[in-house]
Amino acid sequence: MEGEDRSPFLGDDACQITDFKTGATDEAHKFQVRAYAVMWRLDDELNPSGRVVDRLVLAYENQDVDVAPPITSEIDEISRELLARRQAAEAALAARPPSARPNTESCRYCGVRQLCDAYWASATQVVSDDGRYGDIELKITGRHGPTSWDAVVVRARDLPAKMPALLRVQQPGELKKGTRVRVLDGALAHDSEDDAAPAIVTLGVLSEAYYEPLGDRTNFWGVD
């Protein structure tokens, strides 16, 4: 997550909040800095006189963006929205099991994404920028060789479902026809000019493969 620093400036004739950002511009930052202005206005300890902010600035590496401070009539509205967001967050944290919210940024760092059906049902499977490595779910259709298995794609971000695939492993093993395999960080290869060519999925030293029952770490290849 990007770094940030909020620097208030308080003078006799001016009250300013500058939010220093290290990441890219984002429209959500405007609400964020306006929320800081509301919190400042309602802070009885640091702002006992209830002074309002005169200027809000989002300071990015290459530019400063001025944001209109909330006027008096907007302070209550923003306060209500912040309260509603807090209540929604508390409800989400209290839910058991918690609700999954897959997205391409956070899912790549999740240590249990192989177990998350919402992750596999969405189009958020992790794929490297060059497309050479990523997550894919396969269904075994038969043995191809001593360390390879014929399969079809069940879910993958950039490959269609039911596409033929070849799963290559490092050690001989036994998989039953119909077994689902969820591969994390496998090497992916596919000839985009040949629709009949199977997707090649190769397990390497950094890959993990989970198959039914999912999460059974006694049966997976590619991990020391």
C-alpha atoms as a PDB file:
ATOM      1  CA  MET A   1       0.000   0.000   0.000  1.00  0.00           C
ATOM      2  CA  GLU A   2       1.270   3.461  -0.837  1.00  0.00           C
ATOM      3  CA  GLY A   3       2.920   5.581   1.828  1.00  0.00           C
ATOM      4  CA  GLU A   4       1.278   8.756   2.957  1.00  0.00           C
ATOM      5  CA  ASP A   5       1.659  11.607   5.432  1.00  0.00           C
ATOM      6  CA  ARG A   6      -0.920  14.150   6.474  1.00  0.00           C
ATOM      7  CA  SER A   7       0.602  17.522   7.357  1.00  0.00           C
ATOM      8  CA  PRO A   8      -1.707  20.164   8.835  1.00  0.00           C
ATOM      9  CA  PHE A   9      -0.799  23.818   8.654  1.00  0.00           C
ATOM     10  CA  LEU A  10      -2.492  26.112  11.122  1.00  0.00           C
ATOM     11  CA  GLY A  11      -1.962  29.860  11.091  1.00  0.00           C
ATOM     12  CA  ASP A  12      -3.830  32.970  12.146  1.00  0.00           C
ATOM     13  CA  ASP A  13      -5.351  33.379   8.704  1.00  0.00           C
ATOM     14  CA  ALA A  14      -5.213  29.876   7.223  1.00  0.00           C
ATOM     15  CA  CYS A  15      -5.879  26.239   8.058  1.00  0.00           C
ATOM     16  CA  GLN A  16      -4.574  23.721   5.533  1.00  0.00           C
ATOM     17  CA  ILE A  17      -4.197  19.932   5.353  1.00  0.00           C
ATOM     18  CA  THR A  18      -1.697  18.485   2.882  1.00  0.00           C
ATOM     19  CA  ASP A  19      -1.793  14.738   2.257  1.00  0.00           C
ATOM     20  CA  PHE A  20       1.522  13.540   0.770  1.00  0.00           C
ATOM     21  CA  LYS A  21       1.098  10.546  -1.542  1.00  0.00           C
ATOM     22  CA  THR A  22       3.764   8.266  -2.992  1.00  0.00           C
ATOM     23  CA  GLY A  23       1.485   6.400  -5.406  1.00  0.00           C
ATOM     24  CA  ALA A  24      -0.551   7.303  -8.476  1.00  0.00           C
ATOM     25  CA  THR A  25      -3.475   9.707  -8.462  1.00  0.00           C
ATOM     26  CA  ASP A  26      -6.797   8.220  -7.441  1.00  0.00           C
ATOM     27  CA  GLU A  27     -10.228   9.818  -7.254  1.00  0.00           C
ATOM     28  CA  ALA A  28     -10.777   8.078  -3.907  1.00  0.00           C
ATOM     29  CA  HIS A  29      -8.029  10.250  -2.417  1.00  0.00           C
ATOM     30  CA  LYS A  30     -10.277  13.302  -2.727  1.00  0.00           C
ATOM     31  CA  PHE A  31     -12.892  11.833  -0.405  1.00  0.00           C
ATOM     32  CA  GLN A  32     -10.129  10.687   1.903  1.00  0.00           C
ATOM     33  CA  VAL A  33      -8.618  14.143   2.370  1.00  0.00           C
ATOM     34  CA  ARG A  34     -12.077  15.707   2.737  1.00  0.00           C
ATOM     35  CA  ALA A  35     -12.757  13.161   5.493  1.00  0.00           C
ATOM     36  CA  TYR A  36      -9.599  14.388   7.247  1.00  0.00           C
ATOM     37  CA  ALA A  37     -11.040  17.896   7.128  1.00  0.00           C
ATOM     38  CA  VAL A  38     -14.251  16.692   8.783  1.00  0.00           C
ATOM     39  CA  MET A  39     -12.341  14.812  11.486  1.00  0.00           C
ATOM     40  CA  TRP A  40     -10.281  17.943  12.165  1.00  0.00           C
ATOM     41  CA  ARG A  41     -13.433  20.054  12.409  1.00  0.00           C
ATOM     42  CA  LEU A  42     -14.963  17.628  14.950  1.00  0.00           C
ATOM     43  CA  ASP A  43     -11.804  17.097  17.039  1.00  0.00           C
ATOM     44  CA  ASP A  44     -12.577  18.809  20.365  1.00  0.00           C
ATOM     45  CA  GLU A  45      -9.092  18.127  21.750  1.00  0.00           C
ATOM     46  CA  LEU A  46      -6.867  19.379  18.907  1.00  0.00           C
ATOM     47  CA  ASN A  47      -9.342  21.849  17.479  1.00  0.00           C
ATOM     48  CA  PRO A  48     -11.393  23.132  20.451  1.00  0.00           C
ATOM     49  CA  SER A  49     -12.494  26.246  18.585  1.00  0.00           C
ATOM     50  CA  GLY A  50     -13.930  24.168  15.707  1.00  0.00           C
ATOM     51  CA  ARG A  51     -11.976  25.874  12.962  1.00  0.00           C
ATOM     52  CA  VAL A  52     -12.729  24.705   9.456  1.00  0.00           C
ATOM     53  CA  VAL A  53     -10.097  23.855   6.867  1.00  0.00           C
ATOM     54  CA  ASP A  54      -9.466  26.537   4.263  1.00  0.00           C
ATOM     55  CA  ARG A  55      -7.428  24.436   1.842  1.00  0.00           C
ATOM     56  CA  LEU A  56      -6.896  20.752   1.077  1.00  0.00           C
ATOM     57  CA  VAL A  57      -3.957  19.546  -1.014  1.00  0.00           C
ATOM     58  CA  LEU A  58      -3.071  16.114  -2.369  1.00  0.00           C
ATOM     59  CA  ALA A  59       0.698  16.251  -2.887  1.00  0.00           C
ATOM     60  CA  TYR A  60       1.856  13.637  -5.392  1.00  0.00           C
ATOM     61  CA  GLU A  61       5.439  13.179  -6.544  1.00  0.00           C
ATOM     62  CA  ASN A  62       4.877  15.157  -9.756  1.00  0.00           C
ATOM     63  CA  GLN A  63       1.982  17.459  -8.942  1.00  0.00           C
ATOM     64  CA  ASP A  64      -0.199  19.019  -6.263  1.00  0.00           C
ATOM     65  CA  VAL A  65      -3.962  18.680  -6.553  1.00  0.00           C
ATOM     66  CA  ASP A  66      -6.249  21.121  -4.743  1.00  0.00           C
ATOM     67  CA  VAL A  67      -9.445  19.616  -3.356  1.00  0.00           C
ATOM     68  CA  ALA A  68     -12.439  21.696  -2.340  1.00  0.00           C
ATOM     69  CA  PRO A  69     -12.814  21.631   1.461  1.00  0.00           C
ATOM     70  CA  PRO A  70     -16.251  20.549   2.696  1.00  0.00           C
ATOM     71  CA  ILE A  71     -18.555  23.422   3.486  1.00  0.00           C
ATOM     72  CA  THR A  72     -20.536  23.453   6.730  1.00  0.00           C
ATOM     73  CA  SER A  73     -23.579  21.781   5.173  1.00  0.00           C
ATOM     74  CA  GLU A  74     -21.418  18.916   3.876  1.00  0.00           C
ATOM     75  CA  ILE A  75     -19.734  18.084   7.177  1.00  0.00           C
ATOM     76  CA  ASP A  76     -22.761  16.232   8.585  1.00  0.00           C
ATOM     77  CA  GLU A  77     -23.236  14.384   5.296  1.00  0.00           C
ATOM     78  CA  ILE A  78     -19.623  13.181   5.211  1.00  0.00           C
ATOM     79  CA  SER A  79     -19.809  12.288   8.912  1.00  0.00           C
ATOM     80  CA  ARG A  80     -22.831  10.077   8.252  1.00  0.00           C
ATOM     81  CA  GLU A  81     -21.071   8.388   5.340  1.00  0.00           C
ATOM     82  CA  LEU A  82     -17.983   7.710   7.463  1.00  0.00           C
ATOM     83  CA  LEU A  83     -20.167   6.221  10.196  1.00  0.00           C
ATOM     84  CA  ALA A  84     -21.973   4.024   7.671  1.00  0.00           C
ATOM     85  CA  ARG A  85     -18.655   2.814   6.277  1.00  0.00           C
ATOM     86  CA  ARG A  86     -17.408   2.022   9.762  1.00  0.00           C
ATOM     87  CA  GLN A  87     -20.537   0.059  10.606  1.00  0.00           C
ATOM     88  CA  ALA A  88     -20.297  -1.870   7.328  1.00  0.00           C
ATOM     89  CA  ALA A  89     -16.631  -2.675   8.018  1.00  0.00           C
ATOM     90  CA  GLU A  90     -17.417  -3.872  11.538  1.00  0.00           C
ATOM     91  CA  ALA A  91     -20.225  -6.071  10.228  1.00  0.00           C
ATOM     92  CA  ALA A  92     -17.937  -7.556   7.575  1.00  0.00           C
ATOM     93  CA  LEU A  93     -15.248  -8.299  10.180  1.00  0.00           C
ATOM     94  CA  ALA A  94     -17.792  -9.987  12.444  1.00  0.00           C
ATOM     95  CA  ALA A  95     -19.165 -12.238   9.687  1.00  0.00           C
ATOM     96  CA  ARG A  96     -18.258 -15.926   9.980  1.00  0.00           C
ATOM     97  CA  PRO A  97     -17.069 -17.079   7.579  1.00  0.00           C
ATOM     98  CA  PRO A  98     -15.866 -13.700   6.272  1.00  0.00           C
ATOM     99  CA  SER A  99     -17.066 -12.633   2.855  1.00  0.00           C
ATOM    100  CA  ALA A 100     -14.486 -13.040   0.086  1.00  0.00           C
ATOM    101  CA  ARG A 101     -13.839 -10.018  -2.113  1.00  0.00           C
ATOM    102  CA  PRO A 102     -11.465 -11.174  -4.847  1.00  0.00           C
ATOM    103  CA  ASN A 103      -9.370  -8.605  -6.702  1.00  0.00           C
ATOM    104  CA  THR A 104      -6.192  -8.870  -8.731  1.00  0.00           C
ATOM    105  CA  GLU A 105      -4.075  -6.805  -6.345  1.00  0.00           C
ATOM    106  CA  SER A 106      -4.759  -8.387  -2.960  1.00  0.00           C
ATOM    107  CA  CYS A 107      -5.372 -11.995  -4.034  1.00  0.00           C
ATOM    108  CA  ARG A 108      -1.806 -12.494  -5.245  1.00  0.00           C
ATOM    109  CA  TYR A 109      -0.622 -12.137  -1.632  1.00  0.00           C
ATOM    110  CA  CYS A 110      -3.278 -14.416  -0.121  1.00  0.00           C
ATOM    111  CA  GLY A 111      -1.907 -17.601   1.408  1.00  0.00           C
ATOM    112  CA  VAL A 112      -5.165 -19.542   1.130  1.00  0.00           C
ATOM    113  CA  ARG A 113      -6.411 -18.565  -2.313  1.00  0.00           C
ATOM    114  CA  GLN A 114      -6.295 -22.227  -3.392  1.00  0.00           C
ATOM    115  CA  LEU A 115      -9.232 -22.824  -1.015  1.00  0.00           C
ATOM    116  CA  CYS A 116     -11.300 -19.798  -2.014  1.00  0.00           C
ATOM    117  CA  ASP A 117     -14.096 -20.686  -4.428  1.00  0.00           C
ATOM    118  CA  ALA A 118     -14.911 -16.990  -4.915  1.00  0.00           C
ATOM    119  CA  TYR A 119     -11.355 -16.411  -6.149  1.00  0.00           C
ATOM    120  CA  TRP A 120     -11.585 -19.220  -8.682  1.00  0.00           C
ATOM    121  CA  ALA A 121     -15.087 -18.248  -9.796  1.00  0.00           C
ATOM    122  CA  SER A 122     -14.027 -14.687 -10.607  1.00  0.00           C
ATOM    123  CA  ALA A 123     -11.640 -13.378 -13.253  1.00  0.00           C
ATOM    124  CA  THR A 124      -8.975 -12.483 -10.720  1.00  0.00           C
ATOM    125  CA  GLN A 125      -6.608 -15.445 -10.940  1.00  0.00           C
ATOM    126  CA  VAL A 126      -3.003 -14.340 -10.520  1.00  0.00           C
ATOM    127  CA  VAL A 127      -1.021 -14.082 -13.763  1.00  0.00           C
ATOM    128  CA  SER A 128       2.425 -12.523 -14.167  1.00  0.00           C
ATOM    129  CA  ASP A 129       2.737  -9.406 -16.316  1.00  0.00           C
ATOM    130  CA  ASP A 130       4.325 -11.403 -19.132  1.00  0.00           C
ATOM    131  CA  GLY A 131       1.708 -14.165 -18.865  1.00  0.00           C
ATOM    132  CA  ARG A 132       4.327 -16.873 -18.302  1.00  0.00           C
ATOM    133  CA  TYR A 133       3.321 -17.781 -14.754  1.00  0.00           C
ATOM    134  CA  GLY A 134       0.016 -17.877 -12.947  1.00  0.00           C
ATOM    135  CA  ASP A 135      -2.795 -19.748 -11.248  1.00  0.00           C
ATOM    136  CA  ILE A 136      -5.003 -22.193 -13.073  1.00  0.00           C
ATOM    137  CA  GLU A 137      -7.577 -24.864 -12.179  1.00  0.00           C
ATOM    138  CA  LEU A 138      -7.571 -28.049 -14.236  1.00  0.00           C
ATOM    139  CA  LYS A 139      -9.618 -31.243 -14.442  1.00  0.00           C
ATOM    140  CA  ILE A 140      -7.656 -34.403 -15.162  1.00  0.00           C
ATOM    141  CA  THR A 141      -8.874 -36.430 -18.149  1.00  0.00           C
ATOM    142  CA  GLY A 142      -6.180 -39.115 -18.255  1.00  0.00           C
ATOM    143  CA  ARG A 143      -2.492 -39.962 -18.063  1.00  0.00           C
ATOM    144  CA  HIS A 144      -0.240 -38.579 -20.796  1.00  0.00           C
ATOM    145  CA  GLY A 145       3.137 -39.880 -19.629  1.00  0.00           C
ATOM    146  CA  PRO A 146       5.112 -40.856 -16.504  1.00  0.00           C
ATOM    147  CA  THR A 147       5.155 -37.266 -15.232  1.00  0.00           C
ATOM    148  CA  SER A 148       2.409 -35.632 -17.285  1.00  0.00           C
ATOM    149  CA  TRP A 149      -1.369 -35.634 -17.359  1.00  0.00           C
ATOM    150  CA  ASP A 150      -3.981 -34.679 -19.928  1.00  0.00           C
ATOM    151  CA  ALA A 151      -6.535 -32.207 -18.593  1.00  0.00           C
ATOM    152  CA  VAL A 152      -8.996 -29.470 -19.473  1.00  0.00           C
ATOM    153  CA  VAL A 153      -9.052 -25.932 -18.135  1.00  0.00           C
ATOM    154  CA  VAL A 154     -11.703 -25.321 -15.503  1.00  0.00           C
ATOM    155  CA  ARG A 155     -10.788 -21.744 -14.623  1.00  0.00           C
ATOM    156  CA  ALA A 156      -7.981 -19.412 -15.644  1.00  0.00           C
ATOM    157  CA  ARG A 157      -7.939 -15.677 -16.168  1.00  0.00           C
ATOM    158  CA  ASP A 158      -6.701 -15.665 -19.767  1.00  0.00           C
ATOM    159  CA  LEU A 159      -7.719 -19.116 -21.011  1.00  0.00           C
ATOM    160  CA  PRO A 160     -11.205 -20.373 -21.910  1.00  0.00           C
ATOM    161  CA  ALA A 161     -12.926 -23.084 -19.896  1.00  0.00           C
ATOM    162  CA  LYS A 162     -12.791 -26.636 -21.340  1.00  0.00           C
ATOM    163  CA  MET A 163      -9.645 -25.827 -23.310  1.00  0.00           C
ATOM    164  CA  PRO A 164      -7.357 -28.891 -23.511  1.00  0.00           C
ATOM    165  CA  ALA A 165      -4.306 -28.745 -21.277  1.00  0.00           C
ATOM    166  CA  LEU A 166      -1.227 -30.740 -20.369  1.00  0.00           C
ATOM    167  CA  LEU A 167      -0.069 -30.785 -16.750  1.00  0.00           C
ATOM    168  CA  ARG A 168       3.626 -31.568 -16.308  1.00  0.00           C
ATOM    169  CA  VAL A 169       4.942 -32.456 -12.854  1.00  0.00           C
ATOM    170  CA  GLN A 170       8.404 -33.079 -11.446  1.00  0.00           C
ATOM    171  CA  GLN A 171       7.851 -36.513  -9.959  1.00  0.00           C
ATOM    172  CA  PRO A 172       5.760 -39.537 -10.927  1.00  0.00           C
ATOM    173  CA  GLY A 173       2.446 -39.806  -9.144  1.00  0.00           C
ATOM    174  CA  GLU A 174      -1.103 -41.017  -9.554  1.00  0.00           C
ATOM    175  CA  LEU A 175      -4.138 -38.861 -10.300  1.00  0.00           C
ATOM    176  CA  LYS A 176      -7.604 -40.188 -10.973  1.00  0.00           C
ATOM    177  CA  LYS A 177      -9.631 -39.105 -13.958  1.00  0.00           C
ATOM    178  CA  GLY A 178     -11.963 -36.259 -12.963  1.00  0.00           C
ATOM    179  CA  THR A 179      -9.693 -34.916 -10.207  1.00  0.00           C
ATOM    180  CA  ARG A 180      -9.617 -31.118  -9.986  1.00  0.00           C
ATOM    181  CA  VAL A 181      -6.169 -29.585  -9.566  1.00  0.00           C
ATOM    182  CA  ARG A 182      -5.582 -25.988  -8.503  1.00  0.00           C
ATOM    183  CA  VAL A 183      -2.118 -24.834  -9.521  1.00  0.00           C
ATOM    184  CA  LEU A 184      -0.507 -21.762  -7.972  1.00  0.00           C
ATOM    185  CA  ASP A 185       2.369 -20.035  -9.780  1.00  0.00           C
ATOM    186  CA  GLY A 186       2.685 -22.641 -12.496  1.00  0.00           C
ATOM    187  CA  ALA A 187       4.575 -21.998 -15.723  1.00  0.00           C
ATOM    188  CA  LEU A 188       1.975 -21.366 -18.452  1.00  0.00           C
ATOM    189  CA  ALA A 189       2.488 -21.745 -22.193  1.00  0.00           C
ATOM    190  CA  HIS A 190       0.027 -21.693 -25.082  1.00  0.00           C
ATOM    191  CA  ASP A 191       0.279 -21.238 -28.836  1.00  0.00           C
ATOM    192  CA  SER A 192      -2.171 -18.377 -29.437  1.00  0.00           C
ATOM    193  CA  GLU A 193      -2.140 -19.077 -33.194  1.00  0.00           C
ATOM    194  CA  ASP A 194      -3.249 -22.699 -32.806  1.00  0.00           C
ATOM    195  CA  ASP A 195      -6.671 -23.077 -31.186  1.00  0.00           C
ATOM    196  CA  ALA A 196      -6.252 -26.846 -31.010  1.00  0.00           C
ATOM    197  CA  ALA A 197      -2.949 -26.690 -29.137  1.00  0.00           C
ATOM    198  CA  PRO A 198      -3.257 -27.491 -25.426  1.00  0.00           C
ATOM    199  CA  ALA A 199      -2.194 -25.123 -22.683  1.00  0.00           C
ATOM    200  CA  ILE A 200       1.020 -26.424 -21.123  1.00  0.00           C
ATOM    201  CA  VAL A 201       1.117 -26.111 -17.335  1.00  0.00           C
ATOM    202  CA  THR A 202       4.448 -26.959 -15.729  1.00  0.00           C
ATOM    203  CA  LEU A 203       5.070 -27.195 -12.006  1.00  0.00           C
ATOM    204  CA  GLY A 204       8.388 -25.713 -10.910  1.00  0.00           C
ATOM    205  CA  VAL A 205      10.201 -25.315  -7.617  1.00  0.00           C
ATOM    206  CA  LEU A 206       8.043 -22.321  -6.672  1.00  0.00           C
ATOM    207  CA  SER A 207       4.749 -23.868  -7.792  1.00  0.00           C
ATOM    208  CA  GLU A 208       2.091 -25.459  -5.625  1.00  0.00           C
ATOM    209  CA  ALA A 209      -0.630 -27.870  -6.724  1.00  0.00           C
ATOM    210  CA  TYR A 210      -3.653 -28.763  -4.602  1.00  0.00           C
ATOM    211  CA  TYR A 211      -6.101 -31.446  -5.603  1.00  0.00           C
ATOM    212  CA  GLU A 212      -9.124 -33.098  -4.126  1.00  0.00           C
ATOM    213  CA  PRO A 213      -9.469 -32.971  -1.247  1.00  0.00           C
ATOM    214  CA  LEU A 214      -8.263 -29.378  -1.636  1.00  0.00           C
ATOM    215  CA  GLY A 215      -5.801 -28.307   0.994  1.00  0.00           C
ATOM    216  CA  ASP A 216      -4.355 -31.793   1.528  1.00  0.00           C
ATOM    217  CA  ARG A 217      -0.700 -30.815   1.640  1.00  0.00           C
ATOM    218  CA  THR A 218       0.378 -34.484   1.754  1.00  0.00           C
ATOM    219  CA  ASN A 219      -0.343 -34.691  -1.962  1.00  0.00           C
ATOM    220  CA  PHE A 220       1.127 -31.923  -4.045  1.00  0.00           C
ATOM    221  CA  TRP A 221       4.204 -31.504  -6.175  1.00  0.00           C
ATOM    222  CA  GLY A 222       6.701 -28.708  -6.709  1.00  0.00           C
ATOM    223  CA  VAL A 223       7.308 -27.559  -3.139  1.00  0.00           C
ATOM    224  CA  ASP A 224      10.345 -28.420  -1.064  1.00  0.00           C
END
